Amino acid sequence: EIWRHFKTVEIALSIDDLGPRFEYQRSNAVWSEVEGNV
């Protein structure tokens, strides 16, 4: 609702790897939840 007023909004997701490796490198993250947010 706020973003719609702006010229552009770039959402850059920091994703360095996949699955268990992603979770190992980014402790506390859950890969399935990140995929859902993508």
PDB file of all heavy atoms in Angstrom:
ATOM      1  N   GLU A   1       0.825  -1.205   0.000  1.00  0.00           N
ATOM      2  CA  GLU A   1       0.000   0.000   0.000  1.00  0.00           C
ATOM      3  C   GLU A   1       0.863   1.259   0.000  1.00  0.00           C
ATOM      4  O   GLU A   1       0.487   2.286  -0.589  1.00  0.00           O
ATOM      5  CB  GLU A   1      -0.926  -0.012   1.224  1.00  0.00           C
ATOM      6  CG  GLU A   1      -1.805   1.216   1.371  1.00  0.00           C
ATOM      7  CD  GLU A   1      -2.683   1.482   0.151  1.00  0.00           C
ATOM      8  OE1 GLU A   1      -3.070   0.512  -0.549  1.00  0.00           O
ATOM      9  OE2 GLU A   1      -2.973   2.666  -0.120  1.00  0.00           O
ATOM     10  N   ILE A   2       2.029   1.195   0.644  1.00  0.00           N
ATOM     11  CA  ILE A   2       2.972   2.318   0.622  1.00  0.00           C
ATOM     12  C   ILE A   2       3.775   2.297  -0.675  1.00  0.00           C
ATOM     13  O   ILE A   2       3.949   3.329  -1.333  1.00  0.00           O
ATOM     14  CB  ILE A   2       3.918   2.248   1.844  1.00  0.00           C
ATOM     15  CG1 ILE A   2       3.125   2.402   3.143  1.00  0.00           C
ATOM     16  CG2 ILE A   2       4.998   3.321   1.752  1.00  0.00           C
ATOM     17  CD1 ILE A   2       3.960   2.257   4.400  1.00  0.00           C
ATOM     18  N   TRP A   3       4.263   1.136  -1.063  1.00  0.00           N
ATOM     19  CA  TRP A   3       5.149   1.025  -2.226  1.00  0.00           C
ATOM     20  C   TRP A   3       4.497   1.498  -3.520  1.00  0.00           C
ATOM     21  O   TRP A   3       5.176   1.982  -4.423  1.00  0.00           O
ATOM     22  CB  TRP A   3       5.600  -0.422  -2.395  1.00  0.00           C
ATOM     23  CG  TRP A   3       6.550  -0.890  -1.353  1.00  0.00           C
ATOM     24  CD1 TRP A   3       7.291  -0.128  -0.497  1.00  0.00           C
ATOM     25  CD2 TRP A   3       6.893  -2.248  -1.050  1.00  0.00           C
ATOM     26  NE1 TRP A   3       8.065  -0.923   0.328  1.00  0.00           N
ATOM     27  CE2 TRP A   3       7.832  -2.230   0.004  1.00  0.00           C
ATOM     28  CE3 TRP A   3       6.475  -3.484  -1.564  1.00  0.00           C
ATOM     29  CZ2 TRP A   3       8.381  -3.393   0.542  1.00  0.00           C
ATOM     30  CZ3 TRP A   3       7.013  -4.645  -1.031  1.00  0.00           C
ATOM     31  CH2 TRP A   3       7.958  -4.605   0.012  1.00  0.00           C
ATOM     32  N   ARG A   4       3.176   1.367  -3.637  1.00  0.00           N
ATOM     33  CA  ARG A   4       2.517   1.685  -4.910  1.00  0.00           C
ATOM     34  C   ARG A   4       2.687   3.151  -5.298  1.00  0.00           C
ATOM     35  O   ARG A   4       2.530   3.516  -6.474  1.00  0.00           O
ATOM     36  CB  ARG A   4       1.036   1.328  -4.836  1.00  0.00           C
ATOM     37  CG  ARG A   4       0.212   2.189  -3.897  1.00  0.00           C
ATOM     38  CD  ARG A   4      -1.239   1.718  -3.828  1.00  0.00           C
ATOM     39  NE  ARG A   4      -2.051   2.535  -2.937  1.00  0.00           N
ATOM     40  CZ  ARG A   4      -2.661   3.658  -3.304  1.00  0.00           C
ATOM     41  NH1 ARG A   4      -2.552   4.086  -4.558  1.00  0.00           N
ATOM     42  NH2 ARG A   4      -3.379   4.351  -2.437  1.00  0.00           N
ATOM     43  N   HIS A   5       3.034   4.006  -4.335  1.00  0.00           N
ATOM     44  CA  HIS A   5       3.196   5.430  -4.613  1.00  0.00           C
ATOM     45  C   HIS A   5       4.562   5.773  -5.209  1.00  0.00           C
ATOM     46  O   HIS A   5       4.731   6.867  -5.748  1.00  0.00           O
ATOM     47  CB  HIS A   5       3.014   6.235  -3.317  1.00  0.00           C
ATOM     48  CG  HIS A   5       1.644   6.111  -2.717  1.00  0.00           C
ATOM     49  ND1 HIS A   5       0.563   6.833  -3.168  1.00  0.00           N
ATOM     50  CD2 HIS A   5       1.188   5.317  -1.708  1.00  0.00           C
ATOM     51  CE1 HIS A   5      -0.506   6.520  -2.453  1.00  0.00           C
ATOM     52  NE2 HIS A   5      -0.157   5.600  -1.554  1.00  0.00           N
ATOM     53  N   PHE A   6       5.539   4.856  -5.107  1.00  0.00           N
ATOM     54  CA  PHE A   6       6.907   5.185  -5.474  1.00  0.00           C
ATOM     55  C   PHE A   6       7.190   4.886  -6.946  1.00  0.00           C
ATOM     56  O   PHE A   6       6.516   4.073  -7.582  1.00  0.00           O
ATOM     57  CB  PHE A   6       7.884   4.433  -4.570  1.00  0.00           C
ATOM     58  CG  PHE A   6       7.945   5.009  -3.189  1.00  0.00           C
ATOM     59  CD1 PHE A   6       7.002   4.656  -2.226  1.00  0.00           C
ATOM     60  CD2 PHE A   6       8.907   5.941  -2.854  1.00  0.00           C
ATOM     61  CE1 PHE A   6       7.030   5.216  -0.957  1.00  0.00           C
ATOM     62  CE2 PHE A   6       8.952   6.506  -1.590  1.00  0.00           C
ATOM     63  CZ  PHE A   6       8.013   6.140  -0.643  1.00  0.00           C
ATOM     64  N   LYS A   7       8.207   5.561  -7.461  1.00  0.00           N
ATOM     65  CA  LYS A   7       8.569   5.414  -8.867  1.00  0.00           C
ATOM     66  C   LYS A   7       8.897   3.966  -9.185  1.00  0.00           C
ATOM     67  O   LYS A   7       8.339   3.367 -10.113  1.00  0.00           O
ATOM     68  CB  LYS A   7       9.749   6.327  -9.201  1.00  0.00           C
ATOM     69  CG  LYS A   7      10.134   6.327 -10.668  1.00  0.00           C
ATOM     70  CD  LYS A   7      11.245   7.346 -10.922  1.00  0.00           C
ATOM     71  CE  LYS A   7      11.633   7.363 -12.397  1.00  0.00           C
ATOM     72  NZ  LYS A   7      12.706   8.363 -12.648  1.00  0.00           N
ATOM     73  N   THR A   8       9.836   3.392  -8.460  1.00  0.00           N
ATOM     74  CA  THR A   8      10.132   1.963  -8.556  1.00  0.00           C
ATOM     75  C   THR A   8      10.486   1.434  -7.174  1.00  0.00           C
ATOM     76  O   THR A   8      10.999   2.165  -6.320  1.00  0.00           O
ATOM     77  CB  THR A   8      11.316   1.652  -9.509  1.00  0.00           C
ATOM     78  OG1 THR A   8      12.483   2.341  -9.049  1.00  0.00           O
ATOM     79  CG2 THR A   8      11.012   2.046 -10.933  1.00  0.00           C
ATOM     80  N   VAL A   9      10.219   0.160  -6.972  1.00  0.00           N
ATOM     81  CA  VAL A   9      10.597  -0.541  -5.745  1.00  0.00           C
ATOM     82  C   VAL A   9      11.293  -1.832  -6.168  1.00  0.00           C
ATOM     83  O   VAL A   9      10.665  -2.717  -6.761  1.00  0.00           O
ATOM     84  CB  VAL A   9       9.378  -0.858  -4.861  1.00  0.00           C
ATOM     85  CG1 VAL A   9       9.815  -1.620  -3.606  1.00  0.00           C
ATOM     86  CG2 VAL A   9       8.633   0.413  -4.485  1.00  0.00           C
ATOM     87  N   GLU A  10      12.581  -1.916  -5.886  1.00  0.00           N
ATOM     88  CA  GLU A  10      13.363  -3.103  -6.228  1.00  0.00           C
ATOM     89  C   GLU A  10      13.528  -3.956  -4.977  1.00  0.00           C
ATOM     90  O   GLU A  10      14.046  -3.477  -3.962  1.00  0.00           O
ATOM     91  CB  GLU A  10      14.736  -2.707  -6.760  1.00  0.00           C
ATOM     92  CG  GLU A  10      14.682  -1.841  -8.011  1.00  0.00           C
ATOM     93  CD  GLU A  10      16.031  -1.249  -8.368  1.00  0.00           C
ATOM     94  OE1 GLU A  10      16.984  -1.387  -7.560  1.00  0.00           O
ATOM     95  OE2 GLU A  10      16.138  -0.640  -9.446  1.00  0.00           O
ATOM     96  N   ILE A  11      13.089  -5.189  -5.045  1.00  0.00           N
ATOM     97  CA  ILE A  11      13.221  -6.118  -3.923  1.00  0.00           C
ATOM     98  C   ILE A  11      14.258  -7.153  -4.320  1.00  0.00           C
ATOM     99  O   ILE A  11      14.002  -8.034  -5.144  1.00  0.00           O
ATOM    100  CB  ILE A  11      11.878  -6.790  -3.591  1.00  0.00           C
ATOM    101  CG1 ILE A  11      10.825  -5.722  -3.280  1.00  0.00           C
ATOM    102  CG2 ILE A  11      12.037  -7.760  -2.424  1.00  0.00           C
ATOM    103  CD1 ILE A  11       9.411  -6.253  -3.222  1.00  0.00           C
ATOM    104  N   ALA A  12      15.458  -7.017  -3.757  1.00  0.00           N
ATOM    105  CA  ALA A  12      16.565  -7.917  -4.082  1.00  0.00           C
ATOM    106  C   ALA A  12      16.704  -8.958  -2.981  1.00  0.00           C
ATOM    107  O   ALA A  12      17.018  -8.627  -1.827  1.00  0.00           O
ATOM    108  CB  ALA A  12      17.872  -7.141  -4.242  1.00  0.00           C
ATOM    109  N   LEU A  13      16.460 -10.199  -3.326  1.00  0.00           N
ATOM    110  CA  LEU A  13      16.540 -11.299  -2.377  1.00  0.00           C
ATOM    111  C   LEU A  13      17.967 -11.835  -2.318  1.00  0.00           C
ATOM    112  O   LEU A  13      18.548 -12.175  -3.350  1.00  0.00           O
ATOM    113  CB  LEU A  13      15.577 -12.412  -2.792  1.00  0.00           C
ATOM    114  CG  LEU A  13      14.107 -12.008  -2.888  1.00  0.00           C
ATOM    115  CD1 LEU A  13      13.306 -13.065  -3.614  1.00  0.00           C
ATOM    116  CD2 LEU A  13      13.532 -11.758  -1.505  1.00  0.00           C
ATOM    117  N   SER A  14      18.516 -11.900  -1.116  1.00  0.00           N
ATOM    118  CA  SER A  14      19.873 -12.429  -0.936  1.00  0.00           C
ATOM    119  C   SER A  14      19.804 -13.950  -0.851  1.00  0.00           C
ATOM    120  O   SER A  14      19.522 -14.510   0.208  1.00  0.00           O
ATOM    121  CB  SER A  14      20.508 -11.849   0.332  1.00  0.00           C
ATOM    122  OG  SER A  14      20.696 -10.458   0.205  1.00  0.00           O
ATOM    123  N   ILE A  15      20.043 -14.593  -1.971  1.00  0.00           N
ATOM    124  CA  ILE A  15      19.976 -16.053  -2.042  1.00  0.00           C
ATOM    125  C   ILE A  15      21.291 -16.547  -2.632  1.00  0.00           C
ATOM    126  O   ILE A  15      21.584 -16.317  -3.800  1.00  0.00           O
ATOM    127  CB  ILE A  15      18.775 -16.520  -2.883  1.00  0.00           C
ATOM    128  CG1 ILE A  15      17.471 -16.046  -2.231  1.00  0.00           C
ATOM    129  CG2 ILE A  15      18.790 -18.040  -3.045  1.00  0.00           C
ATOM    130  CD1 ILE A  15      16.225 -16.391  -3.005  1.00  0.00           C
ATOM    131  N   ASP A  16      22.089 -17.216  -1.806  1.00  0.00           N
ATOM    132  CA  ASP A  16      23.434 -17.622  -2.192  1.00  0.00           C
ATOM    133  C   ASP A  16      23.547 -19.102  -2.511  1.00  0.00           C
ATOM    134  O   ASP A  16      24.564 -19.542  -3.053  1.00  0.00           O
ATOM    135  CB  ASP A  16      24.434 -17.290  -1.072  1.00  0.00           C
ATOM    136  CG  ASP A  16      24.343 -15.852  -0.610  1.00  0.00           C
ATOM    137  OD1 ASP A  16      24.007 -14.990  -1.449  1.00  0.00           O
ATOM    138  OD2 ASP A  16      24.582 -15.589   0.578  1.00  0.00           O
ATOM    139  N   ASP A  17      22.523 -19.887  -2.131  1.00  0.00           N
ATOM    140  CA  ASP A  17      22.579 -21.325  -2.365  1.00  0.00           C
ATOM    141  C   ASP A  17      21.183 -21.893  -2.212  1.00  0.00           C
ATOM    142  O   ASP A  17      20.212 -21.131  -2.049  1.00  0.00           O
ATOM    143  CB  ASP A  17      23.575 -22.002  -1.405  1.00  0.00           C
ATOM    144  CG  ASP A  17      24.339 -23.142  -2.076  1.00  0.00           C
ATOM    145  OD1 ASP A  17      23.717 -23.894  -2.855  1.00  0.00           O
ATOM    146  OD2 ASP A  17      25.551 -23.280  -1.823  1.00  0.00           O
ATOM    147  N   LEU A  18      21.066 -23.202  -2.241  1.00  0.00           N
ATOM    148  CA  LEU A  18      19.758 -23.858  -2.253  1.00  0.00           C
ATOM    149  C   LEU A  18      19.634 -24.885  -1.132  1.00  0.00           C
ATOM    150  O   LEU A  18      20.638 -25.463  -0.698  1.00  0.00           O
ATOM    151  CB  LEU A  18      19.549 -24.568  -3.597  1.00  0.00           C
ATOM    152  CG  LEU A  18      19.793 -23.751  -4.871  1.00  0.00           C
ATOM    153  CD1 LEU A  18      19.734 -24.653  -6.099  1.00  0.00           C
ATOM    154  CD2 LEU A  18      18.797 -22.610  -4.982  1.00  0.00           C
ATOM    155  N   GLY A  19      18.399 -25.123  -0.694  1.00  0.00           N
ATOM    156  CA  GLY A  19      18.101 -26.228   0.202  1.00  0.00           C
ATOM    157  C   GLY A  19      18.921 -26.259   1.475  1.00  0.00           C
ATOM    158  O   GLY A  19      19.138 -25.226   2.126  1.00  0.00           O
ATOM    159  N   PRO A  20      19.412 -27.445   1.865  1.00  0.00           N
ATOM    160  CA  PRO A  20      20.189 -27.575   3.103  1.00  0.00           C
ATOM    161  C   PRO A  20      21.438 -26.702   3.125  1.00  0.00           C
ATOM    162  O   PRO A  20      21.837 -26.229   4.195  1.00  0.00           O
ATOM    163  CB  PRO A  20      20.556 -29.068   3.130  1.00  0.00           C
ATOM    164  CG  PRO A  20      19.492 -29.734   2.329  1.00  0.00           C
ATOM    165  CD  PRO A  20      19.147 -28.763   1.234  1.00  0.00           C
ATOM    166  N   ARG A  21      22.051 -26.487   1.969  1.00  0.00           N
ATOM    167  CA  ARG A  21      23.238 -25.615   1.944  1.00  0.00           C
ATOM    168  C   ARG A  21      22.847 -24.172   2.282  1.00  0.00           C
ATOM    169  O   ARG A  21      23.584 -23.476   2.987  1.00  0.00           O
ATOM    170  CB  ARG A  21      23.933 -25.681   0.582  1.00  0.00           C
ATOM    171  CG  ARG A  21      24.574 -27.028   0.282  1.00  0.00           C
ATOM    172  CD  ARG A  21      25.554 -26.923  -0.892  1.00  0.00           C
ATOM    173  NE  ARG A  21      24.917 -26.426  -2.099  1.00  0.00           N
ATOM    174  CZ  ARG A  21      24.372 -27.195  -3.039  1.00  0.00           C
ATOM    175  NH1 ARG A  21      24.390 -28.526  -2.906  1.00  0.00           N
ATOM    176  NH2 ARG A  21      23.819 -26.670  -4.115  1.00  0.00           N
ATOM    177  N   PHE A  22      21.713 -23.725   1.781  1.00  0.00           N
ATOM    178  CA  PHE A  22      21.213 -22.389   2.116  1.00  0.00           C
ATOM    179  C   PHE A  22      21.017 -22.276   3.623  1.00  0.00           C
ATOM    180  O   PHE A  22      21.420 -21.285   4.246  1.00  0.00           O
ATOM    181  CB  PHE A  22      19.899 -22.128   1.379  1.00  0.00           C
ATOM    182  CG  PHE A  22      19.250 -20.806   1.703  1.00  0.00           C
ATOM    183  CD1 PHE A  22      19.576 -19.664   0.999  1.00  0.00           C
ATOM    184  CD2 PHE A  22      18.300 -20.719   2.720  1.00  0.00           C
ATOM    185  CE1 PHE A  22      18.973 -18.443   1.296  1.00  0.00           C
ATOM    186  CE2 PHE A  22      17.696 -19.503   3.026  1.00  0.00           C
ATOM    187  CZ  PHE A  22      18.032 -18.360   2.314  1.00  0.00           C
ATOM    188  N   GLU A  23      20.402 -23.276   4.227  1.00  0.00           N
ATOM    189  CA  GLU A  23      20.133 -23.237   5.660  1.00  0.00           C
ATOM    190  C   GLU A  23      21.414 -23.319   6.478  1.00  0.00           C
ATOM    191  O   GLU A  23      21.503 -22.709   7.557  1.00  0.00           O
ATOM    192  CB  GLU A  23      19.184 -24.373   6.031  1.00  0.00           C
ATOM    193  CG  GLU A  23      17.807 -24.231   5.401  1.00  0.00           C
ATOM    194  CD  GLU A  23      16.874 -25.393   5.698  1.00  0.00           C
ATOM    195  OE1 GLU A  23      17.357 -26.400   6.265  1.00  0.00           O
ATOM    196  OE2 GLU A  23      15.679 -25.307   5.368  1.00  0.00           O
ATOM    197  N   TYR A  24      22.409 -24.041   5.989  1.00  0.00           N
ATOM    198  CA  TYR A  24      23.698 -24.127   6.672  1.00  0.00           C
ATOM    199  C   TYR A  24      24.410 -22.780   6.623  1.00  0.00           C
ATOM    200  O   TYR A  24      24.976 -22.321   7.616  1.00  0.00           O
ATOM    201  CB  TYR A  24      24.554 -25.205   6.006  1.00  0.00           C
ATOM    202  CG  TYR A  24      25.980 -25.303   6.508  1.00  0.00           C
ATOM    203  CD1 TYR A  24      26.273 -25.978   7.696  1.00  0.00           C
ATOM    204  CD2 TYR A  24      27.036 -24.748   5.791  1.00  0.00           C
ATOM    205  CE1 TYR A  24      27.578 -26.085   8.157  1.00  0.00           C
ATOM    206  CE2 TYR A  24      28.346 -24.845   6.241  1.00  0.00           C
ATOM    207  CZ  TYR A  24      28.613 -25.514   7.417  1.00  0.00           C
ATOM    208  OH  TYR A  24      29.912 -25.613   7.871  1.00  0.00           O
ATOM    209  N   GLN A  25      24.382 -22.138   5.476  1.00  0.00           N
ATOM    210  CA  GLN A  25      25.078 -20.870   5.303  1.00  0.00           C
ATOM    211  C   GLN A  25      24.343 -19.710   5.959  1.00  0.00           C
ATOM    212  O   GLN A  25      24.968 -18.734   6.378  1.00  0.00           O
ATOM    213  CB  GLN A  25      25.276 -20.583   3.811  1.00  0.00           C
ATOM    214  CG  GLN A  25      26.198 -21.579   3.123  1.00  0.00           C
ATOM    215  CD  GLN A  25      26.136 -21.482   1.606  1.00  0.00           C
ATOM    216  OE1 GLN A  25      25.910 -20.419   1.040  1.00  0.00           O
ATOM    217  NE2 GLN A  25      26.326 -22.611   0.931  1.00  0.00           N
ATOM    218  N   ARG A  26      23.006 -19.814   6.053  1.00  0.00           N
ATOM    219  CA  ARG A  26      22.193 -18.738   6.626  1.00  0.00           C
ATOM    220  C   ARG A  26      21.398 -19.291   7.818  1.00  0.00           C
ATOM    221  O   ARG A  26      20.191 -19.540   7.726  1.00  0.00           O
ATOM    222  CB  ARG A  26      21.282 -18.125   5.564  1.00  0.00           C
ATOM    223  CG  ARG A  26      22.062 -17.370   4.492  1.00  0.00           C
ATOM    224  CD  ARG A  26      21.173 -16.706   3.464  1.00  0.00           C
ATOM    225  NE  ARG A  26      21.951 -15.848   2.582  1.00  0.00           N
ATOM    226  CZ  ARG A  26      22.138 -14.534   2.758  1.00  0.00           C
ATOM    227  NH1 ARG A  26      21.590 -13.942   3.798  1.00  0.00           N
ATOM    228  NH2 ARG A  26      22.866 -13.826   1.910  1.00  0.00           N
ATOM    229  N   SER A  27      22.083 -19.477   8.906  1.00  0.00           N
ATOM    230  CA  SER A  27      21.496 -20.116  10.092  1.00  0.00           C
ATOM    231  C   SER A  27      20.230 -19.399  10.545  1.00  0.00           C
ATOM    232  O   SER A  27      20.160 -18.170  10.558  1.00  0.00           O
ATOM    233  CB  SER A  27      22.510 -20.139  11.231  1.00  0.00           C
ATOM    234  OG  SER A  27      23.570 -21.002  10.934  1.00  0.00           O
ATOM    235  N   ASN A  28      19.246 -20.181  10.924  1.00  0.00           N
ATOM    236  CA  ASN A  28      17.890 -19.794  11.344  1.00  0.00           C
ATOM    237  C   ASN A  28      16.922 -19.703  10.169  1.00  0.00           C
ATOM    238  O   ASN A  28      15.709 -19.611  10.385  1.00  0.00           O
ATOM    239  CB  ASN A  28      17.845 -18.469  12.123  1.00  0.00           C
ATOM    240  CG  ASN A  28      18.532 -18.544  13.469  1.00  0.00           C
ATOM    241  OD1 ASN A  28      18.846 -19.624  13.959  1.00  0.00           O
ATOM    242  ND2 ASN A  28      18.776 -17.394  14.073  1.00  0.00           N
ATOM    243  N   ALA A  29      17.426 -19.707   8.937  1.00  0.00           N
ATOM    244  CA  ALA A  29      16.533 -19.650   7.778  1.00  0.00           C
ATOM    245  C   ALA A  29      15.970 -21.030   7.468  1.00  0.00           C
ATOM    246  O   ALA A  29      16.607 -22.051   7.733  1.00  0.00           O
ATOM    247  CB  ALA A  29      17.281 -19.115   6.561  1.00  0.00           C
ATOM    248  N   VAL A  30      14.771 -21.058   6.905  1.00  0.00           N
ATOM    249  CA  VAL A  30      14.130 -22.288   6.441  1.00  0.00           C
ATOM    250  C   VAL A  30      13.910 -22.137   4.935  1.00  0.00           C
ATOM    251  O   VAL A  30      13.170 -21.238   4.496  1.00  0.00           O
ATOM    252  CB  VAL A  30      12.787 -22.531   7.164  1.00  0.00           C
ATOM    253  CG1 VAL A  30      12.117 -23.797   6.620  1.00  0.00           C
ATOM    254  CG2 VAL A  30      13.015 -22.642   8.670  1.00  0.00           C
ATOM    255  N   TRP A  31      14.552 -22.991   4.150  1.00  0.00           N
ATOM    256  CA  TRP A  31      14.536 -22.835   2.702  1.00  0.00           C
ATOM    257  C   TRP A  31      13.116 -22.852   2.139  1.00  0.00           C
ATOM    258  O   TRP A  31      12.784 -22.041   1.255  1.00  0.00           O
ATOM    259  CB  TRP A  31      15.381 -23.918   2.051  1.00  0.00           C
ATOM    260  CG  TRP A  31      15.297 -23.930   0.551  1.00  0.00           C
ATOM    261  CD1 TRP A  31      14.793 -24.911  -0.252  1.00  0.00           C
ATOM    262  CD2 TRP A  31      15.726 -22.886  -0.339  1.00  0.00           C
ATOM    263  NE1 TRP A  31      14.878 -24.558  -1.576  1.00  0.00           N
ATOM    264  CE2 TRP A  31      15.443 -23.311  -1.659  1.00  0.00           C
ATOM    265  CE3 TRP A  31      16.304 -21.638  -0.143  1.00  0.00           C
ATOM    266  CZ2 TRP A  31      15.739 -22.539  -2.784  1.00  0.00           C
ATOM    267  CZ3 TRP A  31      16.594 -20.845  -1.264  1.00  0.00           C
ATOM    268  CH2 TRP A  31      16.312 -21.299  -2.556  1.00  0.00           C
ATOM    269  N   SER A  32      12.244 -23.731   2.632  1.00  0.00           N
ATOM    270  CA  SER A  32      10.888 -23.813   2.094  1.00  0.00           C
ATOM    271  C   SER A  32      10.128 -22.507   2.313  1.00  0.00           C
ATOM    272  O   SER A  32       9.310 -22.102   1.467  1.00  0.00           O
ATOM    273  CB  SER A  32      10.131 -24.985   2.725  1.00  0.00           C
ATOM    274  OG  SER A  32      10.030 -24.822   4.133  1.00  0.00           O
ATOM    275  N   GLU A  33      10.392 -21.832   3.433  1.00  0.00           N
ATOM    276  CA  GLU A  33       9.732 -20.556   3.695  1.00  0.00           C
ATOM    277  C   GLU A  33      10.235 -19.476   2.740  1.00  0.00           C
ATOM    278  O   GLU A  33       9.453 -18.634   2.266  1.00  0.00           O
ATOM    279  CB  GLU A  33       9.954 -20.136   5.142  1.00  0.00           C
ATOM    280  CG  GLU A  33       9.291 -21.061   6.163  1.00  0.00           C
ATOM    281  CD  GLU A  33       9.582 -20.661   7.596  1.00  0.00           C
ATOM    282  OE1 GLU A  33      10.311 -19.657   7.800  1.00  0.00           O
ATOM    283  OE2 GLU A  33       9.100 -21.356   8.515  1.00  0.00           O
ATOM    284  N   VAL A  34      11.525 -19.482   2.461  1.00  0.00           N
ATOM    285  CA  VAL A  34      12.089 -18.513   1.521  1.00  0.00           C
ATOM    286  C   VAL A  34      11.524 -18.755   0.122  1.00  0.00           C
ATOM    287  O   VAL A  34      11.140 -17.808  -0.581  1.00  0.00           O
ATOM    288  CB  VAL A  34      13.623 -18.585   1.524  1.00  0.00           C
ATOM    289  CG1 VAL A  34      14.219 -17.717   0.416  1.00  0.00           C
ATOM    290  CG2 VAL A  34      14.165 -18.148   2.884  1.00  0.00           C
ATOM    291  N   GLU A  35      11.459 -20.025  -0.288  1.00  0.00           N
ATOM    292  CA  GLU A  35      10.862 -20.333  -1.589  1.00  0.00           C
ATOM    293  C   GLU A  35       9.418 -19.825  -1.659  1.00  0.00           C
ATOM    294  O   GLU A  35       8.986 -19.291  -2.695  1.00  0.00           O
ATOM    295  CB  GLU A  35      10.892 -21.838  -1.834  1.00  0.00           C
ATOM    296  CG  GLU A  35      12.215 -22.370  -2.336  1.00  0.00           C
ATOM    297  CD  GLU A  35      12.082 -23.772  -2.894  1.00  0.00           C
ATOM    298  OE1 GLU A  35      11.634 -24.653  -2.133  1.00  0.00           O
ATOM    299  OE2 GLU A  35      12.417 -23.992  -4.071  1.00  0.00           O
ATOM    300  N   GLY A  36       8.691 -19.981  -0.565  1.00  0.00           N
ATOM    301  CA  GLY A  36       7.317 -19.490  -0.523  1.00  0.00           C
ATOM    302  C   GLY A  36       7.249 -17.979  -0.676  1.00  0.00           C
ATOM    303  O   GLY A  36       6.373 -17.444  -1.373  1.00  0.00           O
ATOM    304  N   ASN A  37       8.194 -17.270  -0.045  1.00  0.00           N
ATOM    305  CA  ASN A  37       8.209 -15.813  -0.161  1.00  0.00           C
ATOM    306  C   ASN A  37       8.622 -15.361  -1.558  1.00  0.00           C
ATOM    307  O   ASN A  37       8.155 -14.319  -2.032  1.00  0.00           O
ATOM    308  CB  ASN A  37       9.135 -15.205   0.896  1.00  0.00           C
ATOM    309  CG  ASN A  37       8.482 -15.143   2.267  1.00  0.00           C
ATOM    310  OD1 ASN A  37       7.254 -15.144   2.384  1.00  0.00           O
ATOM    311  ND2 ASN A  37       9.291 -15.103   3.313  1.00  0.00           N
ATOM    312  N   VAL A  38       9.489 -16.124  -2.212  1.00  0.00           N
ATOM    313  CA  VAL A  38       9.825 -15.804  -3.604  1.00  0.00           C
ATOM    314  C   VAL A  38       8.556 -15.815  -4.444  1.00  0.00           C
ATOM    315  O   VAL A  38       8.311 -14.915  -5.261  1.00  0.00           O
ATOM    316  CB  VAL A  38      10.866 -16.792  -4.172  1.00  0.00           C
ATOM    317  CG1 VAL A  38      11.056 -16.572  -5.679  1.00  0.00           C
ATOM    318  CG2 VAL A  38      12.207 -16.651  -3.458  1.00  0.00           C
TER     319      VAL A  38
END
